[in-house]
Structures are given as C-alpha cells and as structure tokens.
C-alpha cells in the first residue's frame, strides 16, 4: 500500500480519497474547505496545514482541482509542490484542464525527475462514490503502469490515451459529447411532454430504441423519472453546470487552435453558458432541462 497525498476534496475528490482509504492506503488530505478535510479525517486520513506540508514524505501526489489556474498554482506557483518533491515521486493530476497546461506541468515535473501523468476522470459523483470511475491517462507508459495500481483503488476502467496531454484531449472530447447528449435528451423529453406524453414512458421507449444514450439511460434529466440522480433531488450534487461550461470552453479553445469544426459542441457551449448565466451554475448539468421545460 502507498503513502498518498490527496489535494482537492470537492464533490469528486472527497469520495475518491475515501476509496483510497478503503483500499488500505495511507492517505493525507488537504483542501481549503475544513468540513471536507474533517470528514476524511473521521474516516482515517491525516491532514496538514498546507498542501506542501501534506505532501511531505508522500510516494504519490494526487490532485483533483476545478481548473487549470488551480493546477498551475499548486504545482508551478511560487510555493508550488514540484519544487519541494523528491526525485521519483509519482504525481497524478485528475483535474480536467487544457492539454497544454497538462504538458507544461509534465515538462516542469520532468525537469525535476518526477513521474507525472494527467489522469482526468469520467463517471460523475456516482462513479467516484462507487469506485467505478474511468481514468483517461496521458504520459509515459512506465509512469502509467506505476500509477495504475493506485488508480484501481478509485476506478474500474483505466486507459492510457497516449503522451502527456492526451488524457485531457480525450476527456474534453468525451465531455463535449456528453453535453450534446444531455441537451438533446432534454430537448426530446420536453417535446414529448408538450405533446402530452409521460416523460417516464417516453424515456423507456427511447432507451429501447435508437435514441438510447448515457444521459437517458443512466442520468435521466427529467425530475422523478429515475431515482438516485440529481434530477430527482432538485439537481443538487453531481457535475456542476459551471464545470461543464468550463470543459466546453476547453473544447472550443482546442478546436480553434487545431482548426477543427465543432458546430454541435459550440451550440452546447452556448446553451450551457446561457443556463449558467440564468443563475444555475451551481446545479447539476442535467438541469439544462429547465431551458426547455417550464416549471
């Protein structure tokens, strides 16, 4: 079992760290939210007054942070972790950030002889709690192989997408498609309801037909149709609209840099940005249904 430092205990990070504890690892946690830290300490984690102090003596550092600026601050800032870690330390960043940011951190880590991979996740809060996340990794193959046993304590599917940054490219492609599917699923359900169909019945029909998709089958956005999803608890918890909007922005920026055409991705970005601007940024992204459904 490894001595691991986990930094970033949000909706995803907290259950991920919890699963590492359950797997028998020695886990030290750090976050600016004291209640989040205290909850993990109650499960057996250690903590420290700063990220750098928490990382002392760790064999592996894992970060799960909201955006690239936070990753840069933690690793590359004036008091960044990379300058303090001993050679050979395994560094895993599971945040969803721009591929070029991941590559910059990887380059800085390599200069200090640290083993770095970008390892963003898919599977949502439910997957984080259940330990069934998908990890999409970018980096050297030997580093990936070294990280895999640690990641298996938090996830079910562990993929090596390619070199540094590849994990982030795959993740933003996945989330762009997810946003398109959620917006389209919401639109179809709302149209059916406008015509008097029961959304639950329509959902079952589409699930067994060619319209079936993850958003419909696993994460239905219509309130009351599916138990255990954010739509059935006023869209609380889950993957925030603000984070989906951020990820769609990453996809858009990447498309511009690579002269790629993403008309549906661009429309999804606009829809989620509109939804966020109407005061829904802290709700789960399936709340995009509210753009189509009048309460």
C-alpha atoms as a PDB file:
ATOM      1  CA  UNK A   1       0.000   0.000   0.000  1.00  0.00           C
ATOM      2  CA  UNK A   2       1.192   3.514  -0.809  1.00  0.00           C
ATOM      3  CA  UNK A   3       1.603   6.717   1.171  1.00  0.00           C
ATOM      4  CA  UNK A   4      -0.595   9.139  -0.793  1.00  0.00           C
ATOM      5  CA  UNK A   5      -1.341  12.854  -0.526  1.00  0.00           C
ATOM      6  CA  UNK A   6      -4.702  13.889  -1.986  1.00  0.00           C
ATOM      7  CA  UNK A   7      -5.338  17.588  -2.657  1.00  0.00           C
ATOM      8  CA  UNK A   8      -8.817  18.787  -3.666  1.00  0.00           C
ATOM      9  CA  UNK A   9     -11.800  17.389  -1.776  1.00  0.00           C
ATOM     10  CA  UNK A  10     -14.778  18.592  -3.798  1.00  0.00           C
ATOM     11  CA  UNK A  11     -17.746  16.542  -4.993  1.00  0.00           C
ATOM     12  CA  UNK A  12     -15.385  14.208  -6.853  1.00  0.00           C
ATOM     13  CA  UNK A  13     -12.185  14.392  -4.837  1.00  0.00           C
ATOM     14  CA  UNK A  14     -13.667  13.573  -1.438  1.00  0.00           C
ATOM     15  CA  UNK A  15     -15.139  10.171  -2.413  1.00  0.00           C
ATOM     16  CA  UNK A  16     -12.018   9.368  -4.434  1.00  0.00           C
ATOM     17  CA  UNK A  17      -9.843   9.946  -1.367  1.00  0.00           C
ATOM     18  CA  UNK A  18     -12.296   7.949   0.714  1.00  0.00           C
ATOM     19  CA  UNK A  19     -11.941   4.963  -1.618  1.00  0.00           C
ATOM     20  CA  UNK A  20      -8.156   5.127  -1.336  1.00  0.00           C
ATOM     21  CA  UNK A  21      -8.547   4.830   2.433  1.00  0.00           C
ATOM     22  CA  UNK A  22     -10.869   1.849   1.980  1.00  0.00           C
ATOM     23  CA  UNK A  23      -8.250   0.259  -0.280  1.00  0.00           C
ATOM     24  CA  UNK A  24      -5.804   0.389   2.614  1.00  0.00           C
ATOM     25  CA  UNK A  25      -3.586   3.277   1.516  1.00  0.00           C
ATOM     26  CA  UNK A  26      -2.050   5.740   3.976  1.00  0.00           C
ATOM     27  CA  UNK A  27      -3.776   8.966   2.864  1.00  0.00           C
ATOM     28  CA  UNK A  28      -3.052  12.570   3.843  1.00  0.00           C
ATOM     29  CA  UNK A  29      -5.565  15.133   2.589  1.00  0.00           C
ATOM     30  CA  UNK A  30      -5.616  18.886   2.080  1.00  0.00           C
ATOM     31  CA  UNK A  31      -8.353  21.284   0.973  1.00  0.00           C
ATOM     32  CA  UNK A  32      -9.375  24.858   1.752  1.00  0.00           C
ATOM     33  CA  UNK A  33     -12.742  23.519   2.961  1.00  0.00           C
ATOM     34  CA  UNK A  34     -12.257  22.479   6.580  1.00  0.00           C
ATOM     35  CA  UNK A  35     -15.503  20.452   6.750  1.00  0.00           C
ATOM     36  CA  UNK A  36     -14.335  18.398   3.753  1.00  0.00           C
ATOM     37  CA  UNK A  37     -11.000  17.745   5.452  1.00  0.00           C
ATOM     38  CA  UNK A  38     -12.647  16.845   8.768  1.00  0.00           C
ATOM     39  CA  UNK A  39     -14.949  14.329   7.057  1.00  0.00           C
ATOM     40  CA  UNK A  40     -11.933  12.464   5.617  1.00  0.00           C
ATOM     41  CA  UNK A  41     -10.015  12.676   8.893  1.00  0.00           C
ATOM     42  CA  UNK A  42     -13.019  10.988  10.528  1.00  0.00           C
ATOM     43  CA  UNK A  43     -12.523   8.131   8.041  1.00  0.00           C
ATOM     44  CA  UNK A  44      -8.881   7.730   8.986  1.00  0.00           C
ATOM     45  CA  UNK A  45      -7.000  10.243   6.839  1.00  0.00           C
ATOM     46  CA  UNK A  46      -4.244  12.526   8.105  1.00  0.00           C
ATOM     47  CA  UNK A  47      -4.031  16.216   7.253  1.00  0.00           C
ATOM     48  CA  UNK A  48      -1.663  19.187   7.407  1.00  0.00           C
ATOM     49  CA  UNK A  49      -1.744  22.980   7.391  1.00  0.00           C
ATOM     50  CA  UNK A  50      -0.748  23.336   3.721  1.00  0.00           C
ATOM     51  CA  UNK A  51      -0.511  21.359   0.542  1.00  0.00           C
ATOM     52  CA  UNK A  52       3.269  21.354   0.738  1.00  0.00           C
ATOM     53  CA  UNK A  53       3.216  20.097   4.331  1.00  0.00           C
ATOM     54  CA  UNK A  54       0.670  17.430   3.383  1.00  0.00           C
ATOM     55  CA  UNK A  55       2.973  16.223   0.605  1.00  0.00           C
ATOM     56  CA  UNK A  56       5.982  15.647   2.851  1.00  0.00           C
ATOM     57  CA  UNK A  57       7.061  12.018   2.711  1.00  0.00           C
ATOM     58  CA  UNK A  58       4.414  11.030   0.150  1.00  0.00           C
ATOM     59  CA  UNK A  59       5.166   8.432  -2.504  1.00  0.00           C
ATOM     60  CA  UNK A  60       2.276   9.679  -4.649  1.00  0.00           C
ATOM     61  CA  UNK A  61       0.531  13.050  -5.016  1.00  0.00           C
ATOM     62  CA  UNK A  62      -2.998  13.184  -6.457  1.00  0.00           C
ATOM     63  CA  UNK A  63      -4.785  16.429  -7.252  1.00  0.00           C
ATOM     64  CA  UNK A  64      -8.438  16.944  -8.192  1.00  0.00           C
ATOM     65  CA  UNK A  65      -8.884  20.676  -8.780  1.00  0.00           C
ATOM     66  CA  UNK A  66     -11.511  22.860 -10.504  1.00  0.00           C
ATOM     67  CA  UNK A  67      -9.461  24.457 -13.300  1.00  0.00           C
ATOM     68  CA  UNK A  68      -6.067  24.897 -14.897  1.00  0.00           C
ATOM     69  CA  UNK A  69      -5.237  28.021 -12.881  1.00  0.00           C
ATOM     70  CA  UNK A  70      -5.573  25.996  -9.676  1.00  0.00           C
ATOM     71  CA  UNK A  71      -3.349  23.220 -11.053  1.00  0.00           C
ATOM     72  CA  UNK A  72      -0.718  25.771 -12.067  1.00  0.00           C
ATOM     73  CA  UNK A  73      -0.854  27.399  -8.634  1.00  0.00           C
ATOM     74  CA  UNK A  74      -0.490  24.086  -6.784  1.00  0.00           C
ATOM     75  CA  UNK A  75       2.359  22.739  -8.908  1.00  0.00           C
ATOM     76  CA  UNK A  76       4.073  25.681 -10.614  1.00  0.00           C
ATOM     77  CA  UNK A  77       3.366  28.606  -8.294  1.00  0.00           C
ATOM     78  CA  UNK A  78       5.935  30.449  -6.209  1.00  0.00           C
ATOM     79  CA  UNK A  79       5.431  27.913  -3.440  1.00  0.00           C
ATOM     80  CA  UNK A  80       4.465  25.076  -5.808  1.00  0.00           C
ATOM     81  CA  UNK A  81       4.726  21.407  -4.967  1.00  0.00           C
ATOM     82  CA  UNK A  82       7.090  20.461  -7.788  1.00  0.00           C
ATOM     83  CA  UNK A  83       9.910  22.455  -6.220  1.00  0.00           C
ATOM     84  CA  UNK A  84       9.551  20.545  -2.943  1.00  0.00           C
ATOM     85  CA  UNK A  85       9.017  16.930  -4.028  1.00  0.00           C
ATOM     86  CA  UNK A  86      11.934  14.485  -4.042  1.00  0.00           C
ATOM     87  CA  UNK A  87      13.026  12.837  -7.279  1.00  0.00           C
ATOM     88  CA  UNK A  88      10.927   9.884  -8.332  1.00  0.00           C
ATOM     89  CA  UNK A  89       7.694  10.989  -6.665  1.00  0.00           C
ATOM     90  CA  UNK A  90       4.609   9.894  -8.627  1.00  0.00           C
ATOM     91  CA  UNK A  91       2.356  12.860  -9.456  1.00  0.00           C
ATOM     92  CA  UNK A  92      -1.183  12.292 -10.765  1.00  0.00           C
ATOM     93  CA  UNK A  93      -3.437  15.190 -11.743  1.00  0.00           C
ATOM     94  CA  UNK A  94      -7.066  14.156 -12.216  1.00  0.00           C
ATOM     95  CA  UNK A  95      -8.373  17.664 -12.883  1.00  0.00           C
ATOM     96  CA  UNK A  96      -9.900  18.460 -16.284  1.00  0.00           C
ATOM     97  CA  UNK A  97      -7.696  21.187 -17.777  1.00  0.00           C
ATOM     98  CA  UNK A  98      -6.322  22.342 -21.122  1.00  0.00           C
ATOM     99  CA  UNK A  99      -3.925  19.823 -22.701  1.00  0.00           C
ATOM    100  CA  UNK A 100      -1.223  22.485 -22.952  1.00  0.00           C
ATOM    101  CA  UNK A 101      -1.458  23.132 -19.200  1.00  0.00           C
ATOM    102  CA  UNK A 102      -1.012  19.431 -18.517  1.00  0.00           C
ATOM    103  CA  UNK A 103       2.002  19.389 -20.836  1.00  0.00           C
ATOM    104  CA  UNK A 104       3.524  22.401 -19.066  1.00  0.00           C
ATOM    105  CA  UNK A 105       3.211  20.707 -15.678  1.00  0.00           C
ATOM    106  CA  UNK A 106       4.618  17.490 -17.158  1.00  0.00           C
ATOM    107  CA  UNK A 107       7.616  19.367 -18.563  1.00  0.00           C
ATOM    108  CA  UNK A 108       8.301  21.052 -15.229  1.00  0.00           C
ATOM    109  CA  UNK A 109       7.942  17.711 -13.437  1.00  0.00           C
ATOM    110  CA  UNK A 110      10.344  16.007 -15.835  1.00  0.00           C
ATOM    111  CA  UNK A 111      12.933  18.737 -15.217  1.00  0.00           C
ATOM    112  CA  UNK A 112      12.870  17.728 -11.542  1.00  0.00           C
ATOM    113  CA  UNK A 113      12.869  13.994 -12.364  1.00  0.00           C
ATOM    114  CA  UNK A 114       9.313  13.493 -11.121  1.00  0.00           C
ATOM    115  CA  UNK A 115       6.901  10.972 -12.665  1.00  0.00           C
ATOM    116  CA  UNK A 116       3.800  12.847 -13.859  1.00  0.00           C
ATOM    117  CA  UNK A 117       0.608  11.793 -15.639  1.00  0.00           C
ATOM    118  CA  UNK A 118      -2.563  13.686 -16.435  1.00  0.00           C
ATOM    119  CA  UNK A 119      -5.447  11.397 -15.469  1.00  0.00           C
ATOM    120  CA  UNK A 120      -8.841  13.117 -15.782  1.00  0.00           C
ATOM    121  CA  UNK A 121     -11.884  11.033 -14.921  1.00  0.00           C
ATOM    122  CA  UNK A 122     -15.308  10.162 -16.258  1.00  0.00           C
ATOM    123  CA  UNK A 123     -18.198   8.666 -14.323  1.00  0.00           C
ATOM    124  CA  UNK A 124     -19.504  11.519 -12.221  1.00  0.00           C
ATOM    125  CA  UNK A 125     -20.052  11.709  -8.484  1.00  0.00           C
ATOM    126  CA  UNK A 126     -21.845   8.359  -8.523  1.00  0.00           C
ATOM    127  CA  UNK A 127     -18.805   6.699 -10.058  1.00  0.00           C
ATOM    128  CA  UNK A 128     -16.496   8.467  -7.605  1.00  0.00           C
ATOM    129  CA  UNK A 129     -18.513   7.163  -4.663  1.00  0.00           C
ATOM    130  CA  UNK A 130     -18.791   3.648  -6.059  1.00  0.00           C
ATOM    131  CA  UNK A 131     -15.127   3.471  -7.062  1.00  0.00           C
ATOM    132  CA  UNK A 132     -16.049   2.792 -10.682  1.00  0.00           C
ATOM    133  CA  UNK A 133     -14.558   5.864 -12.364  1.00  0.00           C
ATOM    134  CA  UNK A 134     -12.891   5.767 -15.748  1.00  0.00           C
ATOM    135  CA  UNK A 135      -9.374   7.257 -15.734  1.00  0.00           C
ATOM    136  CA  UNK A 136      -8.071   8.614 -19.039  1.00  0.00           C
ATOM    137  CA  UNK A 137      -4.302   8.942 -18.713  1.00  0.00           C
ATOM    138  CA  UNK A 138      -1.646  10.812 -20.635  1.00  0.00           C
ATOM    139  CA  UNK A 139       2.061  10.270 -20.043  1.00  0.00           C
ATOM    140  CA  UNK A 140       4.935   7.820 -20.317  1.00  0.00           C
ATOM    141  CA  UNK A 141       3.914   4.165 -20.345  1.00  0.00           C
ATOM    142  CA  UNK A 142       6.122   3.228 -17.393  1.00  0.00           C
ATOM    143  CA  UNK A 143       4.592   6.040 -15.325  1.00  0.00           C
ATOM    144  CA  UNK A 144       1.123   4.879 -16.329  1.00  0.00           C
ATOM    145  CA  UNK A 145       1.951   1.336 -15.235  1.00  0.00           C
ATOM    146  CA  UNK A 146       3.240   2.644 -11.928  1.00  0.00           C
ATOM    147  CA  UNK A 147       0.097   4.736 -11.370  1.00  0.00           C
ATOM    148  CA  UNK A 148      -2.385   2.058 -12.394  1.00  0.00           C
ATOM    149  CA  UNK A 149      -2.491   0.161  -9.057  1.00  0.00           C
ATOM    150  CA  UNK A 150      -3.274   3.431  -7.267  1.00  0.00           C
ATOM    151  CA  UNK A 151      -5.953   4.405  -9.776  1.00  0.00           C
ATOM    152  CA  UNK A 152      -7.558   0.975  -9.474  1.00  0.00           C
ATOM    153  CA  UNK A 153      -8.457   1.894  -5.899  1.00  0.00           C
ATOM    154  CA  UNK A 154     -10.752   4.586  -7.286  1.00  0.00           C
ATOM    155  CA  UNK A 155     -11.789   3.363 -10.713  1.00  0.00           C
ATOM    156  CA  UNK A 156     -12.866   0.432 -12.812  1.00  0.00           C
ATOM    157  CA  UNK A 157     -11.579   1.375 -16.282  1.00  0.00           C
ATOM    158  CA  UNK A 158      -8.029   2.703 -16.595  1.00  0.00           C
ATOM    159  CA  UNK A 159      -6.965   3.837 -20.083  1.00  0.00           C
ATOM    160  CA  UNK A 160      -3.608   5.019 -21.406  1.00  0.00           C
ATOM    161  CA  UNK A 161      -4.624   7.539 -24.075  1.00  0.00           C
ATOM    162  CA  UNK A 162      -1.108   8.479 -25.173  1.00  0.00           C
ATOM    163  CA  UNK A 163       1.607  11.016 -24.272  1.00  0.00           C
ATOM    164  CA  UNK A 164       1.251  13.923 -21.856  1.00  0.00           C
ATOM    165  CA  UNK A 165      -1.910  15.892 -22.560  1.00  0.00           C
ATOM    166  CA  UNK A 166      -3.623  13.011 -24.351  1.00  0.00           C
ATOM    167  CA  UNK A 167      -5.757  12.260 -21.311  1.00  0.00           C
ATOM    168  CA  UNK A 168      -7.043  15.814 -21.343  1.00  0.00           C
ATOM    169  CA  UNK A 169      -7.778  15.754 -25.084  1.00  0.00           C
ATOM    170  CA  UNK A 170      -9.810  12.548 -24.696  1.00  0.00           C
ATOM    171  CA  UNK A 171     -11.624  13.963 -21.668  1.00  0.00           C
ATOM    172  CA  UNK A 172     -12.712  17.206 -23.324  1.00  0.00           C
ATOM    173  CA  UNK A 173     -13.918  15.231 -26.365  1.00  0.00           C
ATOM    174  CA  UNK A 174     -15.927  12.976 -24.053  1.00  0.00           C
ATOM    175  CA  UNK A 175     -17.459  15.860 -22.098  1.00  0.00           C
ATOM    176  CA  UNK A 176     -18.336  17.748 -25.260  1.00  0.00           C
ATOM    177  CA  UNK A 177     -20.234  14.689 -26.471  1.00  0.00           C
ATOM    178  CA  UNK A 178     -21.887  14.294 -23.054  1.00  0.00           C
ATOM    179  CA  UNK A 179     -23.090  17.902 -23.112  1.00  0.00           C
ATOM    180  CA  UNK A 180     -24.534  17.416 -26.595  1.00  0.00           C
ATOM    181  CA  UNK A 181     -26.307  14.222 -25.495  1.00  0.00           C
ATOM    182  CA  UNK A 182     -27.734  15.822 -22.334  1.00  0.00           C
ATOM    183  CA  UNK A 183     -29.025  18.855 -24.213  1.00  0.00           C
ATOM    184  CA  UNK A 184     -30.537  16.650 -26.929  1.00  0.00           C
ATOM    185  CA  UNK A 185     -32.100  14.258 -24.425  1.00  0.00           C
ATOM    186  CA  UNK A 186     -33.648  17.169 -22.521  1.00  0.00           C
ATOM    187  CA  UNK A 187     -34.988  18.647 -25.759  1.00  0.00           C
ATOM    188  CA  UNK A 188     -36.583  15.362 -26.825  1.00  0.00           C
ATOM    189  CA  UNK A 189     -38.201  14.725 -23.436  1.00  0.00           C
ATOM    190  CA  UNK A 190     -39.570  18.260 -23.311  1.00  0.00           C
ATOM    191  CA  UNK A 191     -41.044  17.923 -26.813  1.00  0.00           C
ATOM    192  CA  UNK A 192     -42.756  14.680 -25.853  1.00  0.00           C
ATOM    193  CA  UNK A 193     -44.155  16.220 -22.671  1.00  0.00           C
ATOM    194  CA  UNK A 194     -45.509  19.190 -24.668  1.00  0.00           C
ATOM    195  CA  UNK A 195     -47.483  16.646 -26.658  1.00  0.00           C
ATOM    196  CA  UNK A 196     -48.903  15.009 -23.550  1.00  0.00           C
ATOM    197  CA  UNK A 197     -46.549  12.030 -23.265  1.00  0.00           C
ATOM    198  CA  UNK A 198     -45.467  10.777 -19.868  1.00  0.00           C
ATOM    199  CA  UNK A 199     -41.690  11.511 -19.665  1.00  0.00           C
ATOM    200  CA  UNK A 200     -41.128   8.208 -17.849  1.00  0.00           C
ATOM    201  CA  UNK A 201     -42.874   6.229 -20.587  1.00  0.00           C
ATOM    202  CA  UNK A 202     -41.113   8.178 -23.324  1.00  0.00           C
ATOM    203  CA  UNK A 203     -37.786   7.565 -21.599  1.00  0.00           C
ATOM    204  CA  UNK A 204     -38.369   3.803 -21.613  1.00  0.00           C
ATOM    205  CA  UNK A 205     -39.335   3.890 -25.274  1.00  0.00           C
ATOM    206  CA  UNK A 206     -36.230   5.815 -26.268  1.00  0.00           C
ATOM    207  CA  UNK A 207     -33.982   3.679 -24.045  1.00  0.00           C
ATOM    208  CA  UNK A 208     -35.042   0.613 -26.021  1.00  0.00           C
ATOM    209  CA  UNK A 209     -34.828   2.446 -29.344  1.00  0.00           C
ATOM    210  CA  UNK A 210     -32.130   4.176 -31.334  1.00  0.00           C
ATOM    211  CA  UNK A 211     -32.277   7.272 -29.109  1.00  0.00           C
ATOM    212  CA  UNK A 212     -30.821   5.426 -26.121  1.00  0.00           C
ATOM    213  CA  UNK A 213     -27.724   7.087 -24.657  1.00  0.00           C
ATOM    214  CA  UNK A 214     -25.905   7.510 -21.313  1.00  0.00           C
ATOM    215  CA  UNK A 215     -27.737  10.708 -20.371  1.00  0.00           C
ATOM    216  CA  UNK A 216     -31.095   8.999 -20.901  1.00  0.00           C
ATOM    217  CA  UNK A 217     -30.228   5.515 -19.650  1.00  0.00           C
ATOM    218  CA  UNK A 218     -28.193   6.373 -16.556  1.00  0.00           C
ATOM    219  CA  UNK A 219     -28.687  10.073 -15.724  1.00  0.00           C
ATOM    220  CA  UNK A 220     -32.214  10.999 -16.774  1.00  0.00           C
ATOM    221  CA  UNK A 221     -32.694  14.782 -16.553  1.00  0.00           C
ATOM    222  CA  UNK A 222     -36.486  14.749 -16.020  1.00  0.00           C
ATOM    223  CA  UNK A 223     -37.439  15.085 -12.320  1.00  0.00           C
ATOM    224  CA  UNK A 224     -38.944  11.959 -10.795  1.00  0.00           C
ATOM    225  CA  UNK A 225     -38.226   9.599 -13.683  1.00  0.00           C
ATOM    226  CA  UNK A 226     -35.103   7.992 -12.211  1.00  0.00           C
ATOM    227  CA  UNK A 227     -34.121   7.540  -8.587  1.00  0.00           C
ATOM    228  CA  UNK A 228     -30.700   8.477  -7.292  1.00  0.00           C
ATOM    229  CA  UNK A 229     -29.868  11.081  -9.933  1.00  0.00           C
ATOM    230  CA  UNK A 230     -29.632  14.863  -9.427  1.00  0.00           C
ATOM    231  CA  UNK A 231     -32.881  15.483 -11.352  1.00  0.00           C
ATOM    232  CA  UNK A 232     -34.748  13.768  -8.519  1.00  0.00           C
ATOM    233  CA  UNK A 233     -33.163  15.950  -5.827  1.00  0.00           C
ATOM    234  CA  UNK A 234     -33.617  19.421  -7.321  1.00  0.00           C
ATOM    235  CA  UNK A 235     -30.408  18.998  -9.348  1.00  0.00           C
ATOM    236  CA  UNK A 236     -28.223  19.171  -6.246  1.00  0.00           C
ATOM    237  CA  UNK A 237     -24.824  17.480  -6.249  1.00  0.00           C
ATOM    238  CA  UNK A 238     -23.353  15.870  -9.307  1.00  0.00           C
ATOM    239  CA  UNK A 239     -21.380  17.657 -12.036  1.00  0.00           C
ATOM    240  CA  UNK A 240     -21.982  21.392 -11.878  1.00  0.00           C
ATOM    241  CA  UNK A 241     -23.166  23.475 -14.824  1.00  0.00           C
ATOM    242  CA  UNK A 242     -20.214  25.813 -14.208  1.00  0.00           C
ATOM    243  CA  UNK A 243     -17.788  22.917 -14.621  1.00  0.00           C
ATOM    244  CA  UNK A 244     -19.470  21.661 -17.783  1.00  0.00           C
ATOM    245  CA  UNK A 245     -19.338  25.193 -19.170  1.00  0.00           C
ATOM    246  CA  UNK A 246     -15.631  25.317 -18.337  1.00  0.00           C
ATOM    247  CA  UNK A 247     -14.998  21.992 -20.096  1.00  0.00           C
ATOM    248  CA  UNK A 248     -16.929  23.092 -23.168  1.00  0.00           C
ATOM    249  CA  UNK A 249     -14.780  26.207 -23.233  1.00  0.00           C
ATOM    250  CA  UNK A 250     -11.686  23.983 -23.220  1.00  0.00           C
ATOM    251  CA  UNK A 251     -13.101  22.022 -26.158  1.00  0.00           C
ATOM    252  CA  UNK A 252     -13.884  25.230 -28.049  1.00  0.00           C
ATOM    253  CA  UNK A 253     -10.404  26.682 -27.437  1.00  0.00           C
ATOM    254  CA  UNK A 254      -8.790  23.440 -28.550  1.00  0.00           C
ATOM    255  CA  UNK A 255     -10.919  23.363 -31.702  1.00  0.00           C
ATOM    256  CA  UNK A 256      -9.856  26.911 -32.575  1.00  0.00           C
ATOM    257  CA  UNK A 257      -6.170  26.048 -32.090  1.00  0.00           C
ATOM    258  CA  UNK A 258      -6.499  22.931 -34.239  1.00  0.00           C
ATOM    259  CA  UNK A 259      -8.869  24.405 -36.853  1.00  0.00           C
ATOM    260  CA  UNK A 260     -11.451  21.737 -36.043  1.00  0.00           C
ATOM    261  CA  UNK A 261     -15.142  22.202 -36.764  1.00  0.00           C
ATOM    262  CA  UNK A 262     -17.412  21.604 -33.733  1.00  0.00           C
ATOM    263  CA  UNK A 263     -20.815  23.129 -34.633  1.00  0.00           C
ATOM    264  CA  UNK A 264     -22.780  20.993 -32.161  1.00  0.00           C
ATOM    265  CA  UNK A 265     -20.151  21.427 -29.456  1.00  0.00           C
ATOM    266  CA  UNK A 266     -20.271  25.185 -29.957  1.00  0.00           C
ATOM    267  CA  UNK A 267     -24.064  25.179 -29.673  1.00  0.00           C
ATOM    268  CA  UNK A 268     -23.887  23.083 -26.498  1.00  0.00           C
ATOM    269  CA  UNK A 269     -21.394  25.556 -25.076  1.00  0.00           C
ATOM    270  CA  UNK A 270     -23.766  28.435 -25.779  1.00  0.00           C
ATOM    271  CA  UNK A 271     -26.715  26.586 -24.232  1.00  0.00           C
ATOM    272  CA  UNK A 272     -24.861  25.748 -21.038  1.00  0.00           C
ATOM    273  CA  UNK A 273     -23.403  29.257 -20.835  1.00  0.00           C
ATOM    274  CA  UNK A 274     -26.919  30.698 -21.165  1.00  0.00           C
ATOM    275  CA  UNK A 275     -28.167  28.305 -18.489  1.00  0.00           C
ATOM    276  CA  UNK A 276     -25.297  29.217 -16.144  1.00  0.00           C
ATOM    277  CA  UNK A 277     -25.955  32.908 -16.719  1.00  0.00           C
ATOM    278  CA  UNK A 278     -29.528  32.455 -15.533  1.00  0.00           C
ATOM    279  CA  UNK A 279     -28.311  31.535 -12.057  1.00  0.00           C
ATOM    280  CA  UNK A 280     -27.992  27.758 -12.495  1.00  0.00           C
ATOM    281  CA  UNK A 281     -24.212  27.423 -12.379  1.00  0.00           C
ATOM    282  CA  UNK A 282     -24.144  25.540  -9.072  1.00  0.00           C
ATOM    283  CA  UNK A 283     -26.758  22.987 -10.160  1.00  0.00           C
ATOM    284  CA  UNK A 284     -26.004  19.667 -11.814  1.00  0.00           C
ATOM    285  CA  UNK A 285     -25.548  19.894 -15.569  1.00  0.00           C
ATOM    286  CA  UNK A 286     -28.698  17.805 -16.194  1.00  0.00           C
ATOM    287  CA  UNK A 287     -30.635  20.898 -15.065  1.00  0.00           C
ATOM    288  CA  UNK A 288     -30.208  22.090 -18.682  1.00  0.00           C
ATOM    289  CA  UNK A 289     -33.683  20.560 -18.974  1.00  0.00           C
ATOM    290  CA  UNK A 290     -35.011  23.750 -17.395  1.00  0.00           C
ATOM    291  CA  UNK A 291     -34.198  25.607 -20.617  1.00  0.00           C
ATOM    292  CA  UNK A 292     -36.863  23.517 -22.332  1.00  0.00           C
ATOM    293  CA  UNK A 293     -39.339  22.774 -19.544  1.00  0.00           C
ATOM    294  CA  UNK A 294     -41.405  25.441 -17.818  1.00  0.00           C
ATOM    295  CA  UNK A 295     -41.992  24.575 -14.152  1.00  0.00           C
END
